[in-house]
Amino acid sequence: MLAGVRPKRGNSVSVQTKANGASTARLGLIVPKRILDKAVDRNRAKRLLREWFRLHQGRLAGRDVLVRVIGKPSSIEELVTEVDRLLAAIP
């Protein structure tokens, strides 16, 4: 999906973005079982990230966003904070 795009990395999240040529933003989520082993935690992380994306879609219009969990966060809410911080630099 985003081959050749360098990710922005945080402690527990990696984010890649690319212009998609459309007027709407699209979201991809990768939450591996080896990092968040309980399905409840994986689903909660995805729900919170989707909600964050819904609230910030206007800011990300015309972009594909891929969020990949790469490390165990101290809390699920920390993932959302980290994604917000990493994407704050995007105009």
N, C-alpha and C. Protein backbone atom coordinates (compact mmCIF):
# COMPACT_ATOMS: atom_id res chain seq x y z
N MET A 1 0.82 -1.19 0.00
CA MET A 1 0.00 0.00 0.00
C MET A 1 0.87 1.25 0.00
N LEU A 2 1.86 1.31 0.88
CA LEU A 2 2.68 2.51 0.99
C LEU A 2 4.15 2.18 0.77
N ALA A 3 4.44 1.35 -0.22
CA ALA A 3 5.82 0.96 -0.50
C ALA A 3 6.65 2.19 -0.84
N GLY A 4 7.83 2.24 -0.30
CA GLY A 4 8.74 3.34 -0.57
C GLY A 4 8.52 4.58 0.28
N VAL A 5 7.56 4.54 1.19
CA VAL A 5 7.29 5.69 2.06
C VAL A 5 7.95 5.42 3.41
N ARG A 6 8.79 6.32 3.86
CA ARG A 6 9.48 6.14 5.13
C ARG A 6 8.52 6.38 6.29
N PRO A 7 8.53 5.46 7.25
CA PRO A 7 7.62 5.63 8.40
C PRO A 7 8.16 6.62 9.42
N LYS A 8 7.25 7.27 10.11
CA LYS A 8 7.60 8.07 11.29
C LYS A 8 7.42 7.13 12.46
N ARG A 9 8.44 7.01 13.30
CA ARG A 9 8.41 6.03 14.38
C ARG A 9 8.38 6.69 15.74
N GLY A 10 7.58 6.10 16.60
CA GLY A 10 7.55 6.47 18.00
C GLY A 10 8.01 5.28 18.81
N ASN A 11 7.76 5.29 20.10
CA ASN A 11 8.16 4.17 20.95
C ASN A 11 7.35 2.92 20.66
N SER A 12 6.07 3.07 20.40
CA SER A 12 5.23 1.89 20.21
C SER A 12 4.42 1.92 18.92
N VAL A 13 4.59 2.96 18.10
CA VAL A 13 3.78 3.09 16.88
C VAL A 13 4.66 3.58 15.73
N SER A 14 4.37 3.06 14.55
CA SER A 14 4.97 3.53 13.31
C SER A 14 3.84 4.03 12.42
N VAL A 15 4.02 5.21 11.81
CA VAL A 15 2.97 5.81 10.98
C VAL A 15 3.55 6.15 9.61
N GLN A 16 2.84 5.73 8.56
CA GLN A 16 3.21 6.10 7.20
C GLN A 16 2.03 6.83 6.57
N THR A 17 2.33 7.87 5.80
CA THR A 17 1.27 8.59 5.09
C THR A 17 1.70 8.83 3.65
N LYS A 18 0.70 8.88 2.78
CA LYS A 18 0.96 9.12 1.37
C LYS A 18 -0.29 9.75 0.76
N ALA A 19 -0.10 10.70 -0.14
CA ALA A 19 -1.25 11.29 -0.83
C ALA A 19 -1.92 10.22 -1.68
N ASN A 20 -3.26 10.20 -1.67
CA ASN A 20 -3.98 9.16 -2.40
C ASN A 20 -4.74 9.68 -3.62
N GLY A 21 -4.70 10.97 -3.87
CA GLY A 21 -5.36 11.52 -5.05
C GLY A 21 -6.87 11.63 -4.93
N ALA A 22 -7.42 11.32 -3.77
CA ALA A 22 -8.86 11.42 -3.55
C ALA A 22 -9.11 12.56 -2.56
N SER A 23 -10.36 12.87 -2.34
CA SER A 23 -10.67 13.95 -1.40
C SER A 23 -10.85 13.44 0.03
N THR A 24 -10.87 12.13 0.21
CA THR A 24 -11.06 11.56 1.54
C THR A 24 -9.80 10.86 2.02
N ALA A 25 -9.69 10.74 3.31
CA ALA A 25 -8.56 10.03 3.92
C ALA A 25 -8.96 8.58 4.14
N ARG A 26 -7.95 7.69 4.10
CA ARG A 26 -8.19 6.27 4.37
C ARG A 26 -7.21 5.83 5.45
N LEU A 27 -7.65 4.86 6.25
CA LEU A 27 -6.86 4.39 7.39
C LEU A 27 -6.60 2.90 7.27
N GLY A 28 -5.37 2.50 7.55
CA GLY A 28 -5.00 1.10 7.66
C GLY A 28 -4.41 0.88 9.04
N LEU A 29 -4.79 -0.22 9.69
CA LEU A 29 -4.30 -0.51 11.04
C LEU A 29 -3.66 -1.89 11.06
N ILE A 30 -2.50 -1.99 11.69
CA ILE A 30 -1.84 -3.27 11.91
C ILE A 30 -1.54 -3.36 13.40
N VAL A 31 -2.21 -4.27 14.08
CA VAL A 31 -2.02 -4.47 15.52
C VAL A 31 -1.70 -5.96 15.72
N PRO A 32 -0.41 -6.32 15.76
CA PRO A 32 -0.03 -7.73 15.82
C PRO A 32 -0.35 -8.41 17.16
N LYS A 33 -0.66 -9.69 17.05
CA LYS A 33 -0.97 -10.50 18.22
C LYS A 33 0.25 -10.66 19.12
N ARG A 34 1.45 -10.64 18.55
CA ARG A 34 2.65 -10.83 19.37
C ARG A 34 2.94 -9.63 20.27
N ILE A 35 2.36 -8.48 19.95
CA ILE A 35 2.57 -7.29 20.78
C ILE A 35 1.43 -7.10 21.76
N LEU A 36 0.21 -7.13 21.29
CA LEU A 36 -0.97 -7.08 22.17
C LEU A 36 -1.63 -8.44 22.09
N ASP A 37 -1.29 -9.32 23.02
CA ASP A 37 -1.69 -10.72 22.90
C ASP A 37 -3.17 -10.98 23.14
N LYS A 38 -3.84 -10.15 23.91
CA LYS A 38 -5.27 -10.35 24.17
C LYS A 38 -6.11 -9.67 23.09
N ALA A 39 -7.10 -10.40 22.57
CA ALA A 39 -7.98 -9.85 21.53
C ALA A 39 -8.70 -8.60 22.02
N VAL A 40 -9.04 -8.57 23.30
CA VAL A 40 -9.72 -7.41 23.88
C VAL A 40 -8.84 -6.17 23.74
N ASP A 41 -7.54 -6.31 24.01
CA ASP A 41 -6.62 -5.17 23.90
C ASP A 41 -6.43 -4.75 22.45
N ARG A 42 -6.30 -5.71 21.55
CA ARG A 42 -6.15 -5.37 20.12
C ARG A 42 -7.38 -4.64 19.61
N ASN A 43 -8.56 -5.13 19.96
CA ASN A 43 -9.80 -4.50 19.50
C ASN A 43 -9.97 -3.11 20.10
N ARG A 44 -9.63 -2.94 21.36
CA ARG A 44 -9.72 -1.62 22.00
C ARG A 44 -8.77 -0.63 21.33
N ALA A 45 -7.54 -1.08 21.05
CA ALA A 45 -6.57 -0.21 20.37
C ALA A 45 -7.11 0.22 19.01
N LYS A 46 -7.66 -0.72 18.26
CA LYS A 46 -8.20 -0.38 16.93
C LYS A 46 -9.40 0.54 17.04
N ARG A 47 -10.26 0.31 18.02
CA ARG A 47 -11.43 1.19 18.21
C ARG A 47 -10.98 2.62 18.52
N LEU A 48 -10.03 2.76 19.43
CA LEU A 48 -9.56 4.10 19.81
C LEU A 48 -8.86 4.79 18.63
N LEU A 49 -8.07 4.05 17.87
CA LEU A 49 -7.39 4.64 16.72
C LEU A 49 -8.38 5.03 15.62
N ARG A 50 -9.40 4.21 15.40
CA ARG A 50 -10.43 4.57 14.41
C ARG A 50 -11.20 5.81 14.85
N GLU A 51 -11.48 5.92 16.13
CA GLU A 51 -12.19 7.10 16.64
C GLU A 51 -11.33 8.34 16.48
N TRP A 52 -10.03 8.25 16.78
CA TRP A 52 -9.12 9.38 16.59
C TRP A 52 -9.13 9.79 15.11
N PHE A 53 -9.06 8.80 14.22
CA PHE A 53 -9.05 9.07 12.79
C PHE A 53 -10.34 9.76 12.35
N ARG A 54 -11.48 9.30 12.86
CA ARG A 54 -12.77 9.90 12.52
C ARG A 54 -12.81 11.38 12.90
N LEU A 55 -12.26 11.70 14.07
CA LEU A 55 -12.27 13.08 14.55
C LEU A 55 -11.29 13.97 13.80
N HIS A 56 -10.26 13.40 13.18
CA HIS A 56 -9.22 14.18 12.51
C HIS A 56 -9.19 13.97 11.00
N GLN A 57 -10.24 13.42 10.42
CA GLN A 57 -10.26 13.15 8.99
C GLN A 57 -10.09 14.40 8.15
N GLY A 58 -10.66 15.50 8.57
CA GLY A 58 -10.53 16.74 7.81
C GLY A 58 -9.09 17.19 7.68
N ARG A 59 -8.33 17.01 8.72
CA ARG A 59 -6.91 17.39 8.73
C ARG A 59 -6.09 16.49 7.81
N LEU A 60 -6.56 15.26 7.58
CA LEU A 60 -5.80 14.28 6.80
C LEU A 60 -6.41 14.05 5.42
N ALA A 61 -7.27 14.92 4.96
CA ALA A 61 -7.98 14.73 3.69
C ALA A 61 -7.00 14.47 2.55
N GLY A 62 -7.33 13.48 1.73
CA GLY A 62 -6.50 13.17 0.56
C GLY A 62 -5.26 12.36 0.88
N ARG A 63 -5.23 11.70 2.03
CA ARG A 63 -4.05 10.92 2.41
C ARG A 63 -4.45 9.52 2.84
N ASP A 64 -3.55 8.58 2.56
CA ASP A 64 -3.66 7.24 3.13
C ASP A 64 -2.78 7.23 4.37
N VAL A 65 -3.28 6.68 5.45
CA VAL A 65 -2.54 6.62 6.71
C VAL A 65 -2.47 5.17 7.14
N LEU A 66 -1.25 4.68 7.37
CA LEU A 66 -1.05 3.32 7.87
C LEU A 66 -0.43 3.42 9.26
N VAL A 67 -1.13 2.88 10.26
CA VAL A 67 -0.66 2.88 11.64
C VAL A 67 -0.32 1.44 12.01
N ARG A 68 0.94 1.23 12.43
CA ARG A 68 1.41 -0.10 12.80
C ARG A 68 1.93 -0.05 14.23
N VAL A 69 1.41 -0.92 15.08
CA VAL A 69 1.89 -1.02 16.45
C VAL A 69 3.18 -1.83 16.42
N ILE A 70 4.29 -1.24 16.91
CA ILE A 70 5.59 -1.90 16.83
C ILE A 70 6.18 -2.23 18.19
N GLY A 71 5.55 -1.76 19.26
CA GLY A 71 6.04 -2.04 20.60
C GLY A 71 4.90 -2.02 21.59
N LYS A 72 5.11 -2.67 22.72
CA LYS A 72 4.05 -2.75 23.73
C LYS A 72 3.93 -1.39 24.42
N PRO A 73 2.76 -0.76 24.32
CA PRO A 73 2.56 0.54 24.98
C PRO A 73 2.30 0.34 26.47
N SER A 74 2.58 1.39 27.26
CA SER A 74 2.28 1.30 28.70
C SER A 74 0.77 1.32 28.93
N SER A 75 0.03 1.96 28.03
CA SER A 75 -1.44 1.92 28.07
C SER A 75 -1.95 2.04 26.63
N ILE A 76 -3.15 1.55 26.41
CA ILE A 76 -3.74 1.59 25.07
C ILE A 76 -3.94 3.04 24.63
N GLU A 77 -4.31 3.90 25.57
CA GLU A 77 -4.53 5.32 25.24
C GLU A 77 -3.25 6.00 24.78
N GLU A 78 -2.09 5.48 25.21
CA GLU A 78 -0.81 6.04 24.80
C GLU A 78 -0.63 5.92 23.28
N LEU A 79 -1.19 4.89 22.68
CA LEU A 79 -1.09 4.72 21.22
C LEU A 79 -1.70 5.91 20.49
N VAL A 80 -2.87 6.33 20.94
CA VAL A 80 -3.56 7.45 20.30
C VAL A 80 -2.75 8.73 20.46
N THR A 81 -2.23 8.95 21.64
CA THR A 81 -1.41 10.14 21.90
C THR A 81 -0.18 10.16 21.01
N GLU A 82 0.44 9.00 20.85
CA GLU A 82 1.64 8.92 20.03
C GLU A 82 1.34 9.13 18.55
N VAL A 83 0.24 8.57 18.06
CA VAL A 83 -0.16 8.79 16.67
C VAL A 83 -0.44 10.27 16.43
N ASP A 84 -1.13 10.90 17.36
CA ASP A 84 -1.43 12.33 17.24
C ASP A 84 -0.15 13.15 17.18
N ARG A 85 0.82 12.80 18.01
CA ARG A 85 2.10 13.51 18.03
C ARG A 85 2.85 13.31 16.71
N LEU A 86 2.87 12.08 16.19
CA LEU A 86 3.60 11.80 14.96
C LEU A 86 2.96 12.48 13.74
N LEU A 87 1.63 12.57 13.73
CA LEU A 87 0.95 13.18 12.59
C LEU A 87 0.78 14.69 12.71
N ALA A 88 1.18 15.26 13.83
CA ALA A 88 1.04 16.71 14.02
C ALA A 88 1.89 17.50 13.02
N ALA A 89 2.96 16.91 12.53
CA ALA A 89 3.86 17.60 11.61
C ALA A 89 3.32 17.66 10.19
N ILE A 90 2.28 16.88 9.90
CA ILE A 90 1.72 16.88 8.54
C ILE A 90 0.87 18.13 8.35
N PRO A 91 1.14 18.89 7.28
CA PRO A 91 0.38 20.13 7.06
C PRO A 91 -1.08 19.89 6.74
